[in-house]
Amino acid sequence: MDPKETKRFEKLYQRHLRMLKLQGKSEKTRDAYTRAIRRLRDHFDCCPDKLTPKQLESYFAQLVETHSWSTVKVDCWGFKFFWQFMLEKDWQWVNIVKSPKVSIGMQK
Protein backbone atom coordinates (compact mmCIF):
# COMPACT_ATOMS: atom_id res chain seq x y z
CA MET A 1 0.00 0.00 0.00
CA ASP A 2 1.13 3.51 -0.59
CA PRO A 3 1.76 5.75 2.45
CA LYS A 4 -1.58 7.56 2.14
CA GLU A 5 -3.48 4.26 2.03
CA THR A 6 -1.44 2.92 4.96
CA LYS A 7 -2.29 5.99 7.04
CA ARG A 8 -5.98 5.61 6.18
CA PHE A 9 -5.85 1.92 7.13
CA GLU A 10 -4.20 2.71 10.48
CA LYS A 11 -6.91 5.24 11.29
CA LEU A 12 -9.66 2.71 10.48
CA TYR A 13 -7.78 -0.02 12.35
CA GLN A 14 -7.54 2.04 15.55
CA ARG A 15 -11.23 2.90 15.34
CA HIS A 16 -11.95 -0.81 14.75
CA LEU A 17 -10.09 -1.68 17.96
CA ARG A 18 -12.05 0.97 19.84
CA MET A 19 -15.40 -0.28 18.47
CA LEU A 20 -14.57 -3.88 19.40
CA LYS A 21 -13.87 -2.77 22.95
CA LEU A 22 -17.02 -0.62 23.12
CA GLN A 23 -19.08 -3.58 21.91
CA GLY A 24 -17.77 -5.61 24.84
CA LYS A 25 -15.74 -8.12 22.82
CA SER A 26 -13.22 -10.12 24.82
CA GLU A 27 -9.50 -9.59 24.31
CA LYS A 28 -9.28 -12.94 22.52
CA THR A 29 -12.10 -11.96 20.14
CA ARG A 30 -10.55 -8.55 19.52
CA ASP A 31 -7.24 -10.20 18.66
CA ALA A 32 -8.91 -12.66 16.27
CA TYR A 33 -11.08 -10.04 14.54
CA THR A 34 -8.22 -7.59 14.04
CA ARG A 35 -6.00 -10.44 12.75
CA ALA A 36 -8.69 -11.17 10.16
CA ILE A 37 -8.61 -7.55 8.98
CA ARG A 38 -4.81 -7.52 8.77
CA ARG A 39 -4.88 -10.81 6.84
CA LEU A 40 -7.29 -9.28 4.29
CA ARG A 41 -5.17 -6.13 4.04
CA ASP A 42 -2.04 -8.16 3.42
CA HIS A 43 -3.70 -10.46 0.89
CA PHE A 44 -5.09 -7.64 -1.26
CA ASP A 45 -2.47 -5.00 -0.38
CA CYS A 46 -5.21 -2.44 0.16
CA CYS A 47 -7.46 -1.13 2.87
CA PRO A 48 -10.27 -3.69 3.39
CA ASP A 49 -12.99 -1.05 3.08
CA LYS A 50 -12.44 -1.10 -0.69
CA LEU A 51 -13.09 -4.82 -1.13
CA THR A 52 -16.12 -6.06 -3.02
CA PRO A 53 -18.25 -9.07 -2.08
CA LYS A 54 -16.84 -10.86 -5.14
CA GLN A 55 -13.25 -10.30 -3.93
CA LEU A 56 -14.23 -11.52 -0.48
CA GLU A 57 -15.86 -14.62 -1.91
CA SER A 58 -12.65 -15.42 -3.79
CA TYR A 59 -10.55 -14.73 -0.69
CA PHE A 60 -12.62 -16.98 1.56
CA ALA A 61 -12.59 -19.74 -1.08
CA GLN A 62 -8.77 -19.65 -0.92
CA LEU A 63 -8.77 -19.43 2.88
CA VAL A 64 -10.88 -22.61 3.11
CA GLU A 65 -8.11 -24.44 1.24
CA THR A 66 -5.31 -23.29 3.53
CA HIS A 67 -6.82 -22.84 7.00
CA SER A 68 -9.08 -24.64 9.44
CA TRP A 69 -12.83 -24.08 9.37
CA SER A 70 -12.47 -22.44 12.75
CA THR A 71 -10.11 -19.82 11.32
CA VAL A 72 -12.31 -19.27 8.28
CA LYS A 73 -15.38 -18.78 10.48
CA VAL A 74 -13.62 -16.36 12.84
CA ASP A 75 -12.21 -14.36 9.92
CA CYS A 76 -15.67 -14.19 8.37
CA TRP A 77 -17.21 -12.91 11.60
CA GLY A 78 -14.30 -10.52 12.09
CA PHE A 79 -14.85 -8.99 8.70
CA LYS A 80 -18.61 -8.97 9.25
CA PHE A 81 -18.03 -6.82 12.35
CA PHE A 82 -15.74 -4.51 10.37
CA TRP A 83 -18.25 -4.28 7.50
CA GLN A 84 -21.22 -3.49 9.76
CA PHE A 85 -19.68 -1.30 12.45
CA MET A 86 -16.83 0.42 10.63
CA LEU A 87 -18.26 0.78 7.14
CA GLU A 88 -21.87 0.91 8.32
CA LYS A 89 -22.97 -1.30 5.43
CA ASP A 90 -25.59 -4.01 5.37
CA TRP A 91 -24.18 -7.52 5.61
CA GLN A 92 -25.96 -9.05 2.61
CA TRP A 93 -23.57 -11.89 1.87
CA VAL A 94 -23.41 -13.53 5.29
CA ASN A 95 -23.97 -16.98 3.78
CA ILE A 96 -20.78 -16.89 1.72
CA VAL A 97 -19.07 -19.14 4.26
CA LYS A 98 -20.80 -21.99 6.03
CA SER A 99 -18.81 -24.65 7.76
CA PRO A 100 -19.73 -28.24 7.02
CA LYS A 101 -22.10 -29.95 9.41
CA VAL A 102 -20.69 -32.92 11.24
CA SER A 103 -23.09 -35.75 11.82
CA ILE A 104 -22.46 -38.11 14.67
CA GLY A 105 -23.53 -41.66 13.93
CA MET A 106 -25.71 -43.49 16.38
CA GLN A 107 -23.90 -45.92 18.58
CA LYS A 108 -25.27 -49.46 18.94
C-alpha atoms as a PDB file:
ATOM      1  CA  MET A   1       0.000   0.000   0.000  1.00  0.00           C
ATOM      2  CA  ASP A   2       1.127   3.514  -0.589  1.00  0.00           C
ATOM      3  CA  PRO A   3       1.758   5.749   2.453  1.00  0.00           C
ATOM      4  CA  LYS A   4      -1.579   7.562   2.137  1.00  0.00           C
ATOM      5  CA  GLU A   5      -3.482   4.256   2.034  1.00  0.00           C
ATOM      6  CA  THR A   6      -1.440   2.916   4.962  1.00  0.00           C
ATOM      7  CA  LYS A   7      -2.290   5.992   7.038  1.00  0.00           C
ATOM      8  CA  ARG A   8      -5.984   5.610   6.182  1.00  0.00           C
ATOM      9  CA  PHE A   9      -5.850   1.923   7.131  1.00  0.00           C
ATOM     10  CA  GLU A  10      -4.198   2.710  10.478  1.00  0.00           C
ATOM     11  CA  LYS A  11      -6.911   5.242  11.288  1.00  0.00           C
ATOM     12  CA  LEU A  12      -9.657   2.708  10.477  1.00  0.00           C
ATOM     13  CA  TYR A  13      -7.783  -0.021  12.345  1.00  0.00           C
ATOM     14  CA  GLN A  14      -7.540   2.044  15.548  1.00  0.00           C
ATOM     15  CA  ARG A  15     -11.229   2.896  15.337  1.00  0.00           C
ATOM     16  CA  HIS A  16     -11.946  -0.808  14.748  1.00  0.00           C
ATOM     17  CA  LEU A  17     -10.088  -1.677  17.956  1.00  0.00           C
ATOM     18  CA  ARG A  18     -12.053   0.966  19.841  1.00  0.00           C
ATOM     19  CA  MET A  19     -15.400  -0.281  18.466  1.00  0.00           C
ATOM     20  CA  LEU A  20     -14.571  -3.884  19.398  1.00  0.00           C
ATOM     21  CA  LYS A  21     -13.873  -2.767  22.955  1.00  0.00           C
ATOM     22  CA  LEU A  22     -17.018  -0.618  23.120  1.00  0.00           C
ATOM     23  CA  GLN A  23     -19.080  -3.577  21.911  1.00  0.00           C
ATOM     24  CA  GLY A  24     -17.769  -5.614  24.844  1.00  0.00           C
ATOM     25  CA  LYS A  25     -15.743  -8.117  22.823  1.00  0.00           C
ATOM     26  CA  SER A  26     -13.222 -10.125  24.820  1.00  0.00           C
ATOM     27  CA  GLU A  27      -9.502  -9.591  24.310  1.00  0.00           C
ATOM     28  CA  LYS A  28      -9.276 -12.938  22.519  1.00  0.00           C
ATOM     29  CA  THR A  29     -12.104 -11.963  20.143  1.00  0.00           C
ATOM     30  CA  ARG A  30     -10.551  -8.548  19.522  1.00  0.00           C
ATOM     31  CA  ASP A  31      -7.238 -10.202  18.660  1.00  0.00           C
ATOM     32  CA  ALA A  32      -8.912 -12.657  16.273  1.00  0.00           C
ATOM     33  CA  TYR A  33     -11.084 -10.042  14.536  1.00  0.00           C
ATOM     34  CA  THR A  34      -8.218  -7.594  14.036  1.00  0.00           C
ATOM     35  CA  ARG A  35      -5.995 -10.436  12.751  1.00  0.00           C
ATOM     36  CA  ALA A  36      -8.688 -11.168  10.158  1.00  0.00           C
ATOM     37  CA  ILE A  37      -8.613  -7.550   8.977  1.00  0.00           C
ATOM     38  CA  ARG A  38      -4.812  -7.521   8.774  1.00  0.00           C
ATOM     39  CA  ARG A  39      -4.876 -10.810   6.843  1.00  0.00           C
ATOM     40  CA  LEU A  40      -7.287  -9.278   4.293  1.00  0.00           C
ATOM     41  CA  ARG A  41      -5.169  -6.132   4.042  1.00  0.00           C
ATOM     42  CA  ASP A  42      -2.038  -8.161   3.424  1.00  0.00           C
ATOM     43  CA  HIS A  43      -3.698 -10.463   0.892  1.00  0.00           C
ATOM     44  CA  PHE A  44      -5.090  -7.641  -1.258  1.00  0.00           C
ATOM     45  CA  ASP A  45      -2.473  -5.001  -0.376  1.00  0.00           C
ATOM     46  CA  CYS A  46      -5.207  -2.437   0.158  1.00  0.00           C
ATOM     47  CA  CYS A  47      -7.462  -1.127   2.868  1.00  0.00           C
ATOM     48  CA  PRO A  48     -10.268  -3.689   3.393  1.00  0.00           C
ATOM     49  CA  ASP A  49     -12.986  -1.049   3.076  1.00  0.00           C
ATOM     50  CA  LYS A  50     -12.443  -1.097  -0.695  1.00  0.00           C
ATOM     51  CA  LEU A  51     -13.088  -4.819  -1.126  1.00  0.00           C
ATOM     52  CA  THR A  52     -16.119  -6.055  -3.020  1.00  0.00           C
ATOM     53  CA  PRO A  53     -18.249  -9.066  -2.081  1.00  0.00           C
ATOM     54  CA  LYS A  54     -16.838 -10.860  -5.143  1.00  0.00           C
ATOM     55  CA  GLN A  55     -13.255 -10.303  -3.932  1.00  0.00           C
ATOM     56  CA  LEU A  56     -14.231 -11.519  -0.480  1.00  0.00           C
ATOM     57  CA  GLU A  57     -15.865 -14.624  -1.914  1.00  0.00           C
ATOM     58  CA  SER A  58     -12.651 -15.423  -3.787  1.00  0.00           C
ATOM     59  CA  TYR A  59     -10.554 -14.726  -0.689  1.00  0.00           C
ATOM     60  CA  PHE A  60     -12.619 -16.976   1.560  1.00  0.00           C
ATOM     61  CA  ALA A  61     -12.589 -19.738  -1.080  1.00  0.00           C
ATOM     62  CA  GLN A  62      -8.771 -19.647  -0.919  1.00  0.00           C
ATOM     63  CA  LEU A  63      -8.774 -19.426   2.881  1.00  0.00           C
ATOM     64  CA  VAL A  64     -10.879 -22.610   3.112  1.00  0.00           C
ATOM     65  CA  GLU A  65      -8.112 -24.437   1.241  1.00  0.00           C
ATOM     66  CA  THR A  66      -5.308 -23.294   3.532  1.00  0.00           C
ATOM     67  CA  HIS A  67      -6.816 -22.836   6.996  1.00  0.00           C
ATOM     68  CA  SER A  68      -9.083 -24.639   9.436  1.00  0.00           C
ATOM     69  CA  TRP A  69     -12.825 -24.078   9.371  1.00  0.00           C
ATOM     70  CA  SER A  70     -12.469 -22.441  12.748  1.00  0.00           C
ATOM     71  CA  THR A  71     -10.106 -19.819  11.319  1.00  0.00           C
ATOM     72  CA  VAL A  72     -12.314 -19.273   8.281  1.00  0.00           C
ATOM     73  CA  LYS A  73     -15.375 -18.784  10.477  1.00  0.00           C
ATOM     74  CA  VAL A  74     -13.617 -16.363  12.844  1.00  0.00           C
ATOM     75  CA  ASP A  75     -12.207 -14.365   9.917  1.00  0.00           C
ATOM     76  CA  CYS A  76     -15.665 -14.193   8.366  1.00  0.00           C
ATOM     77  CA  TRP A  77     -17.214 -12.911  11.602  1.00  0.00           C
ATOM     78  CA  GLY A  78     -14.304 -10.521  12.093  1.00  0.00           C
ATOM     79  CA  PHE A  79     -14.851  -8.988   8.695  1.00  0.00           C
ATOM     80  CA  LYS A  80     -18.610  -8.966   9.252  1.00  0.00           C
ATOM     81  CA  PHE A  81     -18.029  -6.822  12.347  1.00  0.00           C
ATOM     82  CA  PHE A  82     -15.742  -4.507  10.371  1.00  0.00           C
ATOM     83  CA  TRP A  83     -18.254  -4.285   7.500  1.00  0.00           C
ATOM     84  CA  GLN A  84     -21.217  -3.488   9.761  1.00  0.00           C
ATOM     85  CA  PHE A  85     -19.677  -1.297  12.453  1.00  0.00           C
ATOM     86  CA  MET A  86     -16.830   0.423  10.629  1.00  0.00           C
ATOM     87  CA  LEU A  87     -18.255   0.775   7.142  1.00  0.00           C
ATOM     88  CA  GLU A  88     -21.870   0.910   8.315  1.00  0.00           C
ATOM     89  CA  LYS A  89     -22.967  -1.297   5.425  1.00  0.00           C
ATOM     90  CA  ASP A  90     -25.585  -4.014   5.374  1.00  0.00           C
ATOM     91  CA  TRP A  91     -24.182  -7.516   5.608  1.00  0.00           C
ATOM     92  CA  GLN A  92     -25.960  -9.051   2.608  1.00  0.00           C
ATOM     93  CA  TRP A  93     -23.571 -11.892   1.867  1.00  0.00           C
ATOM     94  CA  VAL A  94     -23.410 -13.526   5.290  1.00  0.00           C
ATOM     95  CA  ASN A  95     -23.973 -16.981   3.778  1.00  0.00           C
ATOM     96  CA  ILE A  96     -20.778 -16.894   1.719  1.00  0.00           C
ATOM     97  CA  VAL A  97     -19.070 -19.137   4.256  1.00  0.00           C
ATOM     98  CA  LYS A  98     -20.798 -21.986   6.029  1.00  0.00           C
ATOM     99  CA  SER A  99     -18.806 -24.654   7.765  1.00  0.00           C
ATOM    100  CA  PRO A 100     -19.734 -28.242   7.023  1.00  0.00           C
ATOM    101  CA  LYS A 101     -22.099 -29.952   9.406  1.00  0.00           C
ATOM    102  CA  VAL A 102     -20.689 -32.918  11.238  1.00  0.00           C
ATOM    103  CA  SER A 103     -23.090 -35.754  11.822  1.00  0.00           C
ATOM    104  CA  ILE A 104     -22.464 -38.114  14.665  1.00  0.00           C
ATOM    105  CA  GLY A 105     -23.526 -41.656  13.934  1.00  0.00           C
ATOM    106  CA  MET A 106     -25.713 -43.487  16.382  1.00  0.00           C
ATOM    107  CA  GLN A 107     -23.904 -45.921  18.582  1.00  0.00           C
ATOM    108  CA  LYS A 108     -25.271 -49.456  18.941  1.00  0.00           C
END
